[in-house]
């Protein structure tokens, strides 16, 4: 018996908005938020995400998710949908080409996985002059595994 990981589909408009948001930072500081979408069997559809409204939780090498701010933003997004999306993961950018989760990232992701069930974690890095790379991790209560980079 093998290990199965979900297929993750990121809506094209989400990818474009992530690219726009992270390029607006000039990759000079980390930014991030919550991923919203739907889980269906072994598929996760990412349909929206939150971004920080204030830069007080960002730094050159760190991003701290402000739970109150992103919960409020999630509620605002969910009310726009007939079938409200739910939290399916988190995302944050790196200012370097490093696509690995730090120890701090891993611990924070485990806390969320324990609370919300299995989630995905996406690291956004710069790719070329006008594109981004998404590195996806599948985070369960038991482990964290890289599933793909696009």
Protein backbone atom coordinates (compact mmCIF):
# COMPACT_ATOMS: atom_id res chain seq x y z
CA UNK A 1 0.00 0.00 0.00
CA UNK A 2 1.46 3.36 -1.03
CA UNK A 3 1.07 6.86 0.27
CA UNK A 4 -1.35 9.07 -1.63
CA UNK A 5 -1.14 12.84 -1.81
CA UNK A 6 -3.89 15.08 -3.11
CA UNK A 7 -3.87 16.68 -6.50
CA UNK A 8 -3.78 20.44 -5.93
CA UNK A 9 -5.40 22.78 -8.44
CA UNK A 10 -4.69 26.48 -8.05
CA UNK A 11 -7.18 28.64 -9.89
CA UNK A 12 -5.46 30.68 -12.63
CA UNK A 13 -6.73 33.97 -11.19
CA UNK A 14 -5.30 33.01 -7.78
CA UNK A 15 -1.90 32.35 -9.35
CA UNK A 16 -2.04 35.72 -11.14
CA UNK A 17 -3.02 37.60 -7.98
CA UNK A 18 -0.30 35.84 -5.96
CA UNK A 19 2.22 36.87 -8.62
CA UNK A 20 0.98 40.47 -8.57
CA UNK A 21 0.98 40.67 -4.76
CA UNK A 22 4.45 39.16 -4.26
CA UNK A 23 6.02 41.22 -7.05
CA UNK A 24 4.54 44.34 -5.45
CA UNK A 25 6.78 43.61 -2.45
CA UNK A 26 9.82 43.49 -4.73
CA UNK A 27 10.65 40.29 -2.82
CA UNK A 28 12.18 42.62 -0.22
CA UNK A 29 10.11 41.15 2.62
CA UNK A 30 8.03 38.04 3.25
CA UNK A 31 4.28 38.16 2.97
CA UNK A 32 1.59 35.50 3.27
CA UNK A 33 -1.89 34.49 4.22
CA UNK A 34 -4.53 31.79 4.22
CA UNK A 35 -5.60 29.65 1.26
CA UNK A 36 -9.32 29.10 0.73
CA UNK A 37 -10.98 26.51 -1.43
CA UNK A 38 -12.59 23.11 -1.50
CA UNK A 39 -11.50 19.57 -0.69
CA UNK A 40 -13.09 16.80 -2.73
CA UNK A 41 -11.79 13.28 -2.23
CA UNK A 42 -8.08 13.48 -3.15
CA UNK A 43 -8.28 16.90 -4.77
CA UNK A 44 -7.82 20.35 -3.30
CA UNK A 45 -9.06 23.35 -5.28
CA UNK A 46 -7.52 26.68 -4.24
CA UNK A 47 -10.00 29.39 -5.21
CA UNK A 48 -8.94 32.40 -3.11
CA UNK A 49 -6.45 33.64 -0.54
CA UNK A 50 -5.90 36.36 2.01
CA UNK A 51 -3.10 38.90 2.16
CA UNK A 52 -1.94 41.06 5.06
CA UNK A 53 -3.44 44.55 5.12
CA UNK A 54 -0.61 45.89 7.26
CA UNK A 55 3.09 45.18 7.04
CA UNK A 56 3.67 44.98 10.78
CA UNK A 57 3.91 41.16 10.65
CA UNK A 58 6.39 41.04 7.77
CA UNK A 59 10.16 41.07 7.70
CA UNK A 60 13.11 40.32 5.44
CA UNK A 61 13.25 36.71 6.57
CA UNK A 62 10.00 36.12 8.46
CA UNK A 63 6.24 36.38 8.17
CA UNK A 64 3.91 35.97 11.14
CA UNK A 65 0.29 35.24 10.31
CA UNK A 66 -2.05 37.59 12.19
CA UNK A 67 -4.91 35.24 13.01
CA UNK A 68 -7.50 37.95 13.71
CA UNK A 69 -6.76 39.86 10.51
CA UNK A 70 -6.87 36.80 8.25
CA UNK A 71 -9.96 35.36 9.97
CA UNK A 72 -11.78 38.64 9.29
CA UNK A 73 -10.62 38.61 5.66
CA UNK A 74 -11.67 34.94 5.26
CA UNK A 75 -15.16 35.83 6.50
CA UNK A 76 -15.39 38.66 3.97
CA UNK A 77 -14.35 36.32 1.14
CA UNK A 78 -16.63 33.47 2.23
CA UNK A 79 -19.72 35.72 2.16
CA UNK A 80 -19.25 36.31 -1.58
CA UNK A 81 -19.86 32.63 -2.41
CA UNK A 82 -22.98 30.50 -2.64
CA UNK A 83 -20.90 27.57 -1.34
CA UNK A 84 -18.38 29.25 0.97
CA UNK A 85 -14.81 28.02 0.56
CA UNK A 86 -13.00 26.82 3.64
CA UNK A 87 -9.45 26.99 4.87
CA UNK A 88 -7.37 24.51 2.86
CA UNK A 89 -3.92 25.82 3.73
CA UNK A 90 -1.51 28.69 4.16
CA UNK A 91 0.98 30.44 1.93
CA UNK A 92 3.94 32.75 2.32
CA UNK A 93 6.71 34.12 0.16
CA UNK A 94 10.45 33.89 0.57
CA UNK A 95 12.82 36.71 -0.34
CA UNK A 96 15.40 34.16 -1.56
CA UNK A 97 15.19 31.16 -3.89
CA UNK A 98 14.96 28.83 -0.86
CA UNK A 99 11.83 26.71 -1.29
CA UNK A 100 12.08 24.72 1.93
CA UNK A 101 9.97 25.10 5.04
CA UNK A 102 11.86 26.44 8.03
CA UNK A 103 11.54 24.77 11.43
CA UNK A 104 9.23 27.65 12.44
CA UNK A 105 7.11 27.09 9.29
CA UNK A 106 6.84 23.39 10.03
CA UNK A 107 5.72 23.94 13.61
CA UNK A 108 3.13 26.57 12.63
CA UNK A 109 1.78 24.32 9.87
CA UNK A 110 1.43 21.39 12.29
CA UNK A 111 -0.64 23.55 14.65
CA UNK A 112 -3.00 24.37 11.77
CA UNK A 113 -3.15 20.74 10.59
CA UNK A 114 -4.06 19.62 14.10
CA UNK A 115 -6.85 22.20 14.23
CA UNK A 116 -8.25 22.06 10.67
CA UNK A 117 -7.20 18.63 9.41
CA UNK A 118 -4.72 18.02 6.61
CA UNK A 119 -3.71 21.24 4.83
CA UNK A 120 -1.39 22.41 2.11
CA UNK A 121 1.38 24.93 2.56
CA UNK A 122 2.67 26.93 -0.39
CA UNK A 123 5.97 28.79 -0.56
CA UNK A 124 6.13 31.48 -3.25
CA UNK A 125 9.55 32.34 -4.69
CA UNK A 126 10.67 34.50 -7.59
CA UNK A 127 11.14 32.71 -10.91
CA UNK A 128 12.62 34.81 -13.69
CA UNK A 129 11.79 38.45 -14.25
CA UNK A 130 8.00 38.32 -14.09
CA UNK A 131 6.94 34.94 -12.74
CA UNK A 132 6.74 33.00 -9.51
CA UNK A 133 7.31 29.42 -8.45
CA UNK A 134 4.88 27.68 -6.09
CA UNK A 135 6.33 24.90 -3.95
CA UNK A 136 3.57 22.85 -2.35
CA UNK A 137 3.74 20.87 0.86
CA UNK A 138 1.10 18.50 2.18
CA UNK A 139 0.85 18.83 5.96
CA UNK A 140 -0.91 16.19 8.04
CA UNK A 141 -0.93 15.56 11.77
CA UNK A 142 1.79 12.98 11.21
CA UNK A 143 4.13 14.45 8.59
CA UNK A 144 4.98 17.17 6.11
CA UNK A 145 5.85 16.18 2.55
CA UNK A 146 6.77 18.17 -0.54
CA UNK A 147 4.29 17.29 -3.27
CA UNK A 148 5.27 19.45 -6.24
CA UNK A 149 6.81 22.63 -7.53
CA UNK A 150 5.27 24.53 -10.43
